[in-house]
Amino acid sequence: METEIEKIDKDSEAFPNCLRDMPSAPKVLYFRGKLPANDEKRVAMVGSRVCSDYGRRAGADIAQGLVDAGFTIVSGLTQGVDTIGHTAAVESGRRTIAVLGTGIDRASLYPQSNLDLSEKIVNNGGCLLSEYPPGMHGAKYTFPQRNRIVAALSKAVVVIEAKIKSGSLITARWAQKMGKPVFALPGSIYALNSGGCNDLIRQGAILIRNASDILEALGHAVTPSQQKTLFGATPEENLILEALSEEALEMDKIITKTTLPPQTVLSIIPVLEIKGLVKNIGGMKYYLNRN
């Protein structure tokens, strides 16, 4: 059953301080779940709605590293990078905050494909948040407007993949105006999805390779990695892990690279997923999970 939508105005003591003090502060908030606490450690993770395999893999790894370090992921619930960040938190049993550019009722929520994820966020102790009332559908201006709230809620903004004119860059600009650090994942100079990130880095954003780079820059203690063992229980499992050591591969390429019978690979991959040694980034394409 859907939890009740609550409303809070700017004058309320429960209104988050970071939003009350921000430029163009929202006068009212509608929310489901637990409001952001003033002392909560929060980092925004934003980026392309249509990720490359590289973006999906890096986004998942970075989000997991931030979640494991005790940070709450803030994002916008849209497809792509937003979904990756929220999902990493939910699957780890941690809270995450979704700031919407629509009303937060089920009929208005965008995208509708993330209705189930939105419920998991609330049920897992997180929060759905919007300055727009129930029944308000998205408009051309509502999503850029909500990006200022994403930036204001967060200690820093992490951009995973973004084109030159990506809306994620609006969030990054708001963070810069607020004096907050912006981190960007570099990409190929030939990749359209990395054009915005590469520009951010050229303009002074902090280049990142992993979550540890972010944690160190924020002055957060980075403990030695507690990586899972990457050794399988059988020679066949080890062949598959070795095949995935350098890049994500589709099932047929794993079969070709290992020379194992197709039925063997098809039976082992689910076992390695259960063990947490490999992850599916979509389209039956797998990569080595080093977290």
Protein backbone atom coordinates (compact mmCIF):
# COMPACT_ATOMS: atom_id res chain seq x y z
CA MET A 1 0.00 0.00 0.00
CA GLU A 2 1.32 3.43 -0.95
CA THR A 3 2.45 5.50 2.03
CA GLU A 4 0.85 8.88 2.51
CA ILE A 5 2.29 11.93 0.75
CA GLU A 6 3.26 14.56 3.31
CA LYS A 7 3.76 18.29 2.86
CA ILE A 8 6.16 20.60 4.65
CA ASP A 9 6.76 24.32 4.19
CA LYS A 10 9.96 26.31 4.42
CA ASP A 11 9.16 27.71 7.87
CA SER A 12 8.88 24.29 9.47
CA GLU A 13 11.70 23.18 11.79
CA ALA A 14 11.81 19.86 9.95
CA PHE A 15 12.58 21.56 6.62
CA PRO A 16 16.18 20.57 5.65
CA ASN A 17 18.57 23.44 6.42
CA CYS A 18 20.51 22.95 3.20
CA LEU A 19 17.35 23.59 1.18
CA ARG A 20 16.14 26.48 3.32
CA ASP A 21 19.44 28.32 2.82
CA MET A 22 19.93 27.61 -0.88
CA PRO A 23 19.42 30.11 -3.73
CA SER A 24 15.86 29.96 -5.10
CA ALA A 25 14.81 27.82 -2.14
CA PRO A 26 11.60 25.80 -2.60
CA LYS A 27 8.74 27.20 -0.52
CA VAL A 28 7.21 23.80 0.06
CA LEU A 29 8.21 20.15 -0.23
CA TYR A 30 6.09 17.07 -0.82
CA PHE A 31 7.63 13.83 0.33
CA ARG A 32 7.17 10.16 1.05
CA GLY A 33 9.49 8.41 3.44
CA LYS A 34 12.11 9.89 5.74
CA LEU A 35 13.22 13.48 5.12
CA PRO A 36 16.97 14.20 4.79
CA ALA A 37 18.62 14.77 8.16
CA ASN A 38 20.88 17.80 8.52
CA ASP A 39 23.87 15.66 9.53
CA GLU A 40 23.42 13.00 6.85
CA LYS A 41 26.32 12.30 4.47
CA ARG A 42 24.93 12.70 0.96
CA VAL A 43 26.48 12.64 -2.52
CA ALA A 44 24.60 13.22 -5.77
CA MET A 45 25.21 10.84 -8.63
CA VAL A 46 23.89 11.94 -12.01
CA GLY A 47 24.47 11.28 -15.68
CA SER A 48 23.13 10.01 -18.96
CA ARG A 49 19.74 8.35 -19.25
CA VAL A 50 21.19 6.05 -21.93
CA CYS A 51 24.44 4.67 -20.55
CA SER A 52 27.18 2.86 -22.37
CA ASP A 53 28.44 -0.43 -20.94
CA TYR A 54 31.37 1.55 -19.55
CA GLY A 55 29.04 4.01 -17.83
CA ARG A 56 26.84 1.28 -16.36
CA ARG A 57 29.81 -0.63 -14.99
CA ALA A 58 31.64 2.42 -13.61
CA GLY A 59 28.43 3.87 -12.22
CA ALA A 60 27.54 0.66 -10.41
CA ASP A 61 31.04 0.30 -8.94
CA ILE A 62 31.27 3.93 -7.82
CA ALA A 63 27.77 3.95 -6.35
CA GLN A 64 28.51 0.75 -4.44
CA GLY A 65 31.72 2.21 -3.06
CA LEU A 66 29.93 5.33 -1.84
CA VAL A 67 27.11 3.31 -0.30
CA ASP A 68 29.58 1.00 1.45
CA ALA A 69 31.30 4.09 2.91
CA GLY A 70 28.03 5.20 4.46
CA PHE A 71 26.96 7.87 1.98
CA THR A 72 23.36 8.38 0.90
CA ILE A 73 23.00 8.57 -2.89
CA VAL A 74 20.89 11.49 -4.12
CA SER A 75 19.59 11.41 -7.69
CA GLY A 76 16.56 12.04 -9.86
CA LEU A 77 15.02 8.56 -10.41
CA THR A 78 15.27 8.79 -14.20
CA GLN A 79 16.65 5.98 -16.34
CA GLY A 80 20.35 5.30 -16.68
CA VAL A 81 22.78 6.66 -14.09
CA ASP A 82 20.03 7.77 -11.67
CA THR A 83 18.56 4.28 -11.60
CA ILE A 84 22.00 2.71 -11.16
CA GLY A 85 22.72 4.86 -8.10
CA HIS A 86 19.36 4.30 -6.43
CA THR A 87 19.48 0.57 -7.15
CA ALA A 88 22.95 0.15 -5.62
CA ALA A 89 21.65 1.67 -2.39
CA VAL A 90 18.41 -0.31 -2.28
CA GLU A 91 20.10 -3.62 -3.03
CA SER A 92 22.58 -2.95 -0.21
CA GLY A 93 19.79 -2.23 2.24
CA ARG A 94 20.75 1.44 2.43
CA ARG A 95 18.68 4.56 2.07
CA THR A 96 18.68 6.79 -1.01
CA ILE A 97 16.89 10.03 -1.92
CA ALA A 98 15.08 10.57 -5.21
CA VAL A 99 14.26 14.18 -6.16
CA LEU A 100 11.53 14.28 -8.79
CA GLY A 101 10.64 16.80 -11.45
CA THR A 102 7.00 15.74 -11.13
CA GLY A 103 4.52 15.04 -8.37
CA ILE A 104 5.45 12.00 -6.31
CA ASP A 105 2.06 10.29 -6.60
CA ARG A 106 2.09 7.10 -8.64
CA ALA A 107 0.10 8.57 -11.52
CA SER A 108 2.44 11.55 -11.99
CA LEU A 109 5.80 9.95 -11.16
CA TYR A 110 8.29 9.90 -14.03
CA PRO A 111 9.43 7.57 -15.38
CA GLN A 112 6.62 5.09 -14.82
CA SER A 113 9.12 2.28 -15.43
CA ASN A 114 10.64 3.12 -12.03
CA LEU A 115 7.44 2.83 -10.00
CA ASP A 116 8.64 -0.37 -8.35
CA LEU A 117 12.02 1.18 -7.60
CA SER A 118 10.31 4.20 -6.04
CA GLU A 119 8.41 1.93 -3.66
CA LYS A 120 11.60 0.08 -2.73
CA ILE A 121 13.27 3.42 -1.96
CA VAL A 122 10.51 4.38 0.48
CA ASN A 123 10.20 0.92 2.03
CA ASN A 124 13.98 0.84 2.54
CA GLY A 125 14.02 4.00 4.66
CA GLY A 126 14.70 6.41 1.82
CA CYS A 127 12.75 9.37 0.51
CA LEU A 128 10.88 10.57 -2.56
CA LEU A 129 10.97 14.36 -2.67
CA SER A 130 9.52 17.08 -4.89
CA GLU A 131 8.55 20.74 -4.78
CA TYR A 132 5.68 19.92 -7.15
CA PRO A 133 2.25 18.87 -5.85
CA PRO A 134 0.59 15.52 -6.50
CA GLY A 135 -0.96 15.46 -9.96
CA MET A 136 1.81 17.61 -11.46
CA HIS A 137 3.29 16.07 -14.57
CA GLY A 138 6.74 16.90 -15.86
CA ALA A 139 7.30 19.94 -18.07
CA LYS A 140 10.29 21.33 -19.91
CA TYR A 141 11.26 23.49 -16.92
CA THR A 142 10.54 21.13 -14.02
CA PHE A 143 13.49 18.78 -14.47
CA PRO A 144 16.18 21.48 -14.72
CA GLN A 145 14.57 23.16 -11.69
CA ARG A 146 14.71 20.02 -9.58
CA ASN A 147 18.44 19.70 -10.33
CA ARG A 148 19.19 22.63 -8.02
CA ILE A 149 17.61 20.65 -5.16
CA VAL A 150 19.72 17.60 -6.00
CA ALA A 151 22.85 19.77 -5.79
CA ALA A 152 21.76 21.55 -2.60
CA LEU A 153 21.06 18.29 -0.77
CA SER A 154 24.50 16.91 -1.56
CA LYS A 155 28.00 17.40 -0.27
CA ALA A 156 29.28 16.90 -3.82
CA VAL A 157 28.03 16.01 -7.30
CA VAL A 158 29.39 13.05 -9.24
CA VAL A 159 28.78 12.99 -13.02
CA ILE A 160 29.20 9.52 -14.52
CA GLU A 161 28.39 10.06 -18.21
CA ALA A 162 27.00 13.19 -19.86
CA LYS A 163 26.74 14.62 -23.32
CA ILE A 164 27.73 18.22 -24.00
CA LYS A 165 24.15 19.43 -23.49
CA SER A 166 23.14 16.96 -20.80
CA GLY A 167 20.81 18.06 -18.01
CA SER A 168 23.35 16.58 -15.61
CA LEU A 169 25.59 19.55 -16.33
CA ILE A 170 22.89 21.80 -14.89
CA THR A 171 23.25 19.93 -11.60
CA ALA A 172 27.03 20.31 -11.83
CA ARG A 173 26.73 24.08 -12.44
CA TRP A 174 24.42 24.46 -9.45
CA ALA A 175 26.94 22.62 -7.30
CA GLN A 176 29.71 24.95 -8.48
CA LYS A 177 27.58 28.01 -7.68
CA MET A 178 27.06 26.61 -4.19
CA GLY A 179 30.79 26.06 -3.73
CA LYS A 180 30.54 22.28 -3.77
CA PRO A 181 33.03 19.95 -5.49
CA VAL A 182 32.12 18.36 -8.80
CA PHE A 183 33.59 15.00 -9.78
CA ALA A 184 33.51 13.61 -13.32
CA LEU A 185 34.30 10.23 -14.83
CA PRO A 186 36.54 10.67 -17.89
CA GLY A 187 35.78 8.91 -21.16
CA SER A 188 36.95 8.53 -24.71
CA ILE A 189 37.25 11.75 -26.71
CA TYR A 190 35.23 9.95 -29.39
CA ALA A 191 32.35 9.00 -27.09
CA LEU A 192 29.41 11.42 -27.24
CA ASN A 193 28.29 10.26 -23.79
CA SER A 194 31.59 11.44 -22.29
CA GLY A 195 31.75 14.86 -23.96
CA GLY A 196 30.14 16.66 -21.04
CA CYS A 197 32.30 14.90 -18.43
CA ASN A 198 35.50 15.59 -20.33
CA ASP A 199 34.52 19.27 -20.60
CA LEU A 200 33.83 19.43 -16.88
CA ILE A 201 37.30 18.04 -16.17
CA ARG A 202 38.86 20.53 -18.58
CA GLN A 203 37.07 23.30 -16.69
CA GLY A 204 38.29 22.17 -13.28
CA ALA A 205 36.09 19.28 -12.14
CA ILE A 206 37.94 16.52 -10.30
CA LEU A 207 38.74 13.47 -12.42
CA ILE A 208 37.72 10.23 -10.76
CA ARG A 209 38.48 6.58 -11.41
CA ASN A 210 36.63 5.02 -8.50
CA ALA A 211 34.78 5.78 -5.27
CA SER A 212 38.05 6.04 -3.34
CA ASP A 213 39.02 9.12 -5.37
CA ILE A 214 35.79 10.80 -4.23
CA LEU A 215 36.13 9.73 -0.60
CA GLU A 216 39.73 10.96 -0.39
CA ALA A 217 38.83 14.34 -1.90
CA LEU A 218 35.98 14.72 0.62
CA GLY A 219 38.33 13.95 3.50
CA HIS A 220 36.63 10.67 4.25
CA ALA A 221 38.80 7.90 5.63
CA VAL A 222 39.39 5.23 3.00
CA THR A 223 39.90 1.81 4.52
CA PRO A 224 41.84 -0.89 2.68
CA SER A 225 39.59 -2.57 0.15
CA GLN A 226 37.85 -5.65 1.39
CA GLN A 227 37.58 -7.13 -2.08
CA LYS A 228 35.97 -10.50 -2.48
CA THR A 229 38.21 -13.28 -3.57
CA LEU A 230 38.16 -13.58 -7.35
CA PHE A 231 38.98 -17.26 -7.31
CA GLY A 232 36.30 -19.69 -8.38
CA ALA A 233 35.55 -23.06 -6.88
CA THR A 234 36.35 -24.94 -10.09
CA PRO A 235 38.72 -24.60 -13.05
CA GLU A 236 35.72 -23.71 -15.23
CA GLU A 237 34.71 -20.86 -12.92
CA ASN A 238 38.27 -19.54 -12.97
CA LEU A 239 38.33 -19.62 -16.77
CA ILE A 240 35.22 -17.44 -16.88
CA LEU A 241 36.57 -15.02 -14.26
CA GLU A 242 39.81 -14.72 -16.22
CA ALA A 243 37.88 -14.04 -19.43
CA LEU A 244 36.08 -11.14 -17.71
CA SER A 245 39.18 -9.69 -16.07
CA GLU A 246 39.69 -6.91 -18.61
CA GLU A 247 36.25 -6.07 -19.99
CA ALA A 248 32.55 -6.84 -19.88
CA LEU A 249 31.53 -9.61 -22.28
CA GLU A 250 28.33 -10.99 -23.71
CA MET A 251 27.57 -14.65 -23.18
CA ASP A 252 28.66 -15.77 -26.65
CA LYS A 253 32.00 -14.00 -26.27
CA ILE A 254 32.58 -15.63 -22.89
CA ILE A 255 31.97 -19.00 -24.55
CA THR A 256 34.40 -18.17 -27.37
CA LYS A 257 37.10 -16.82 -25.06
CA THR A 258 36.96 -19.73 -22.59
CA THR A 259 36.30 -22.45 -25.22
CA LEU A 260 33.96 -24.02 -22.67
CA PRO A 261 30.77 -25.76 -23.87
CA PRO A 262 27.82 -23.30 -24.05
CA GLN A 263 25.79 -25.32 -21.53
CA THR A 264 28.69 -25.15 -19.05
CA VAL A 265 28.95 -21.36 -19.28
CA LEU A 266 25.18 -20.97 -19.08
CA SER A 267 25.10 -23.03 -15.89
CA ILE A 268 28.11 -21.39 -14.21
CA ILE A 269 27.31 -17.70 -14.80
CA PRO A 270 24.24 -17.72 -12.47
CA VAL A 271 26.38 -19.37 -9.78
CA LEU A 272 29.03 -16.64 -10.09
CA GLU A 273 26.27 -14.02 -9.90
CA ILE A 274 24.93 -15.54 -6.68
CA LYS A 275 28.46 -15.52 -5.25
CA GLY A 276 28.73 -11.84 -6.19
CA LEU A 277 31.77 -12.40 -8.39
CA VAL A 278 30.15 -11.21 -11.63
CA LYS A 279 27.36 -8.76 -12.46
CA ASN A 280 24.99 -8.45 -15.38
CA ILE A 281 24.99 -4.92 -16.81
CA GLY A 282 22.07 -5.70 -19.10
CA GLY A 283 21.59 -7.57 -22.34
CA MET A 284 23.24 -10.71 -20.90
CA LYS A 285 26.57 -8.87 -20.69
CA TYR A 286 28.69 -9.57 -17.65
CA TYR A 287 31.65 -8.02 -15.86
CA LEU A 288 33.91 -8.89 -12.96
CA ASN A 289 32.62 -7.48 -9.67
CA ARG A 290 35.67 -6.24 -7.78
CA ASN A 291 33.75 -4.56 -4.93
